[in-house]
Amino acid sequence: MEVITKEQVDKQIADLTARLTGDMFQDMEIKDQIHNLKMKSNGVKPMDSSFECVGCGS
């Protein structure tokens, strides 16, 4: 399993944020990716879950 540093995650978030268009429907997938990266960066996921984000439905 590849270890990703916080700096790499922050850069990915910045790159994705720069791609946002302001159109909710076009940006939905990018915002989902940003959300997942932020959760990974903060070490957050539902308790007793092996899935990334079952608790919030993403």
C-alpha atoms as a PDB file:
ATOM      1  CA  MET A   1       0.000   0.000   0.000  1.00  0.00           C
ATOM      2  CA  GLU A   2       1.420   3.354  -1.066  1.00  0.00           C
ATOM      3  CA  VAL A   3       1.879   5.932   1.680  1.00  0.00           C
ATOM      4  CA  ILE A   4       0.765   9.420   0.694  1.00  0.00           C
ATOM      5  CA  THR A   5       2.016  12.425   2.638  1.00  0.00           C
ATOM      6  CA  LYS A   6      -0.231  15.239   3.855  1.00  0.00           C
ATOM      7  CA  GLU A   7       1.574  17.582   1.457  1.00  0.00           C
ATOM      8  CA  GLN A   8       0.708  15.315  -1.495  1.00  0.00           C
ATOM      9  CA  VAL A   9      -2.939  15.180  -0.421  1.00  0.00           C
ATOM     10  CA  ASP A  10      -3.019  18.976   0.007  1.00  0.00           C
ATOM     11  CA  LYS A  11      -1.563  19.404  -3.503  1.00  0.00           C
ATOM     12  CA  GLN A  12      -4.172  17.035  -4.962  1.00  0.00           C
ATOM     13  CA  ILE A  13      -6.915  19.035  -3.220  1.00  0.00           C
ATOM     14  CA  ALA A  14      -5.485  22.314  -4.580  1.00  0.00           C
ATOM     15  CA  ASP A  15      -5.256  20.855  -8.111  1.00  0.00           C
ATOM     16  CA  LEU A  16      -8.847  19.624  -7.961  1.00  0.00           C
ATOM     17  CA  THR A  17     -10.091  22.912  -6.505  1.00  0.00           C
ATOM     18  CA  ALA A  18      -8.493  24.770  -9.431  1.00  0.00           C
ATOM     19  CA  ARG A  19     -10.564  22.604 -11.806  1.00  0.00           C
ATOM     20  CA  LEU A  20     -13.923  23.637 -10.290  1.00  0.00           C
ATOM     21  CA  THR A  21     -16.169  25.442 -12.777  1.00  0.00           C
ATOM     22  CA  GLY A  22     -18.929  26.756 -10.529  1.00  0.00           C
ATOM     23  CA  ASP A  23     -21.470  24.468 -12.208  1.00  0.00           C
ATOM     24  CA  MET A  24     -22.818  22.202  -9.470  1.00  0.00           C
ATOM     25  CA  PHE A  25     -23.480  19.287 -11.807  1.00  0.00           C
ATOM     26  CA  GLN A  26     -20.093  19.443 -13.528  1.00  0.00           C
ATOM     27  CA  ASP A  27     -18.287  19.887 -10.215  1.00  0.00           C
ATOM     28  CA  MET A  28     -20.058  17.071  -8.357  1.00  0.00           C
ATOM     29  CA  GLU A  29     -17.418  14.399  -9.060  1.00  0.00           C
ATOM     30  CA  ILE A  30     -14.526  16.778  -8.342  1.00  0.00           C
ATOM     31  CA  LYS A  31     -16.126  17.878  -5.045  1.00  0.00           C
ATOM     32  CA  ASP A  32     -16.594  14.222  -4.096  1.00  0.00           C
ATOM     33  CA  GLN A  33     -12.899  13.579  -4.742  1.00  0.00           C
ATOM     34  CA  ILE A  34     -11.970  16.657  -2.677  1.00  0.00           C
ATOM     35  CA  HIS A  35     -14.254  15.467   0.152  1.00  0.00           C
ATOM     36  CA  ASN A  36     -12.643  12.014   0.166  1.00  0.00           C
ATOM     37  CA  LEU A  37      -9.131  13.492   0.164  1.00  0.00           C
ATOM     38  CA  LYS A  38     -10.007  15.821   3.059  1.00  0.00           C
ATOM     39  CA  MET A  39     -11.382  12.878   5.033  1.00  0.00           C
ATOM     40  CA  LYS A  40      -8.227  10.892   4.322  1.00  0.00           C
ATOM     41  CA  SER A  41      -6.073  13.883   5.300  1.00  0.00           C
ATOM     42  CA  ASN A  42      -7.950  14.316   8.582  1.00  0.00           C
ATOM     43  CA  GLY A  43      -8.021  10.586   9.323  1.00  0.00           C
ATOM     44  CA  VAL A  44     -11.823  10.573   9.389  1.00  0.00           C
ATOM     45  CA  LYS A  45     -14.062   7.688   8.416  1.00  0.00           C
ATOM     46  CA  PRO A  46     -17.100   6.075   9.992  1.00  0.00           C
ATOM     47  CA  MET A  47     -16.396   3.998  13.095  1.00  0.00           C
ATOM     48  CA  ASP A  48     -16.179   0.226  12.541  1.00  0.00           C
ATOM     49  CA  SER A  49     -16.130   0.731   8.764  1.00  0.00           C
ATOM     50  CA  SER A  50     -13.631  -0.460   6.205  1.00  0.00           C
ATOM     51  CA  PHE A  51     -15.272   1.777   3.596  1.00  0.00           C
ATOM     52  CA  GLU A  52     -14.151   5.327   2.958  1.00  0.00           C
ATOM     53  CA  CYS A  53     -17.412   7.146   3.524  1.00  0.00           C
ATOM     54  CA  VAL A  54     -20.410   4.894   4.128  1.00  0.00           C
ATOM     55  CA  GLY A  55     -21.577   7.033   7.033  1.00  0.00           C
ATOM     56  CA  CYS A  56     -22.148  10.205   5.017  1.00  0.00           C
ATOM     57  CA  GLY A  57     -23.277   8.476   1.833  1.00  0.00           C
ATOM     58  CA  SER A  58     -20.488   9.722  -0.448  1.00  0.00           C
END
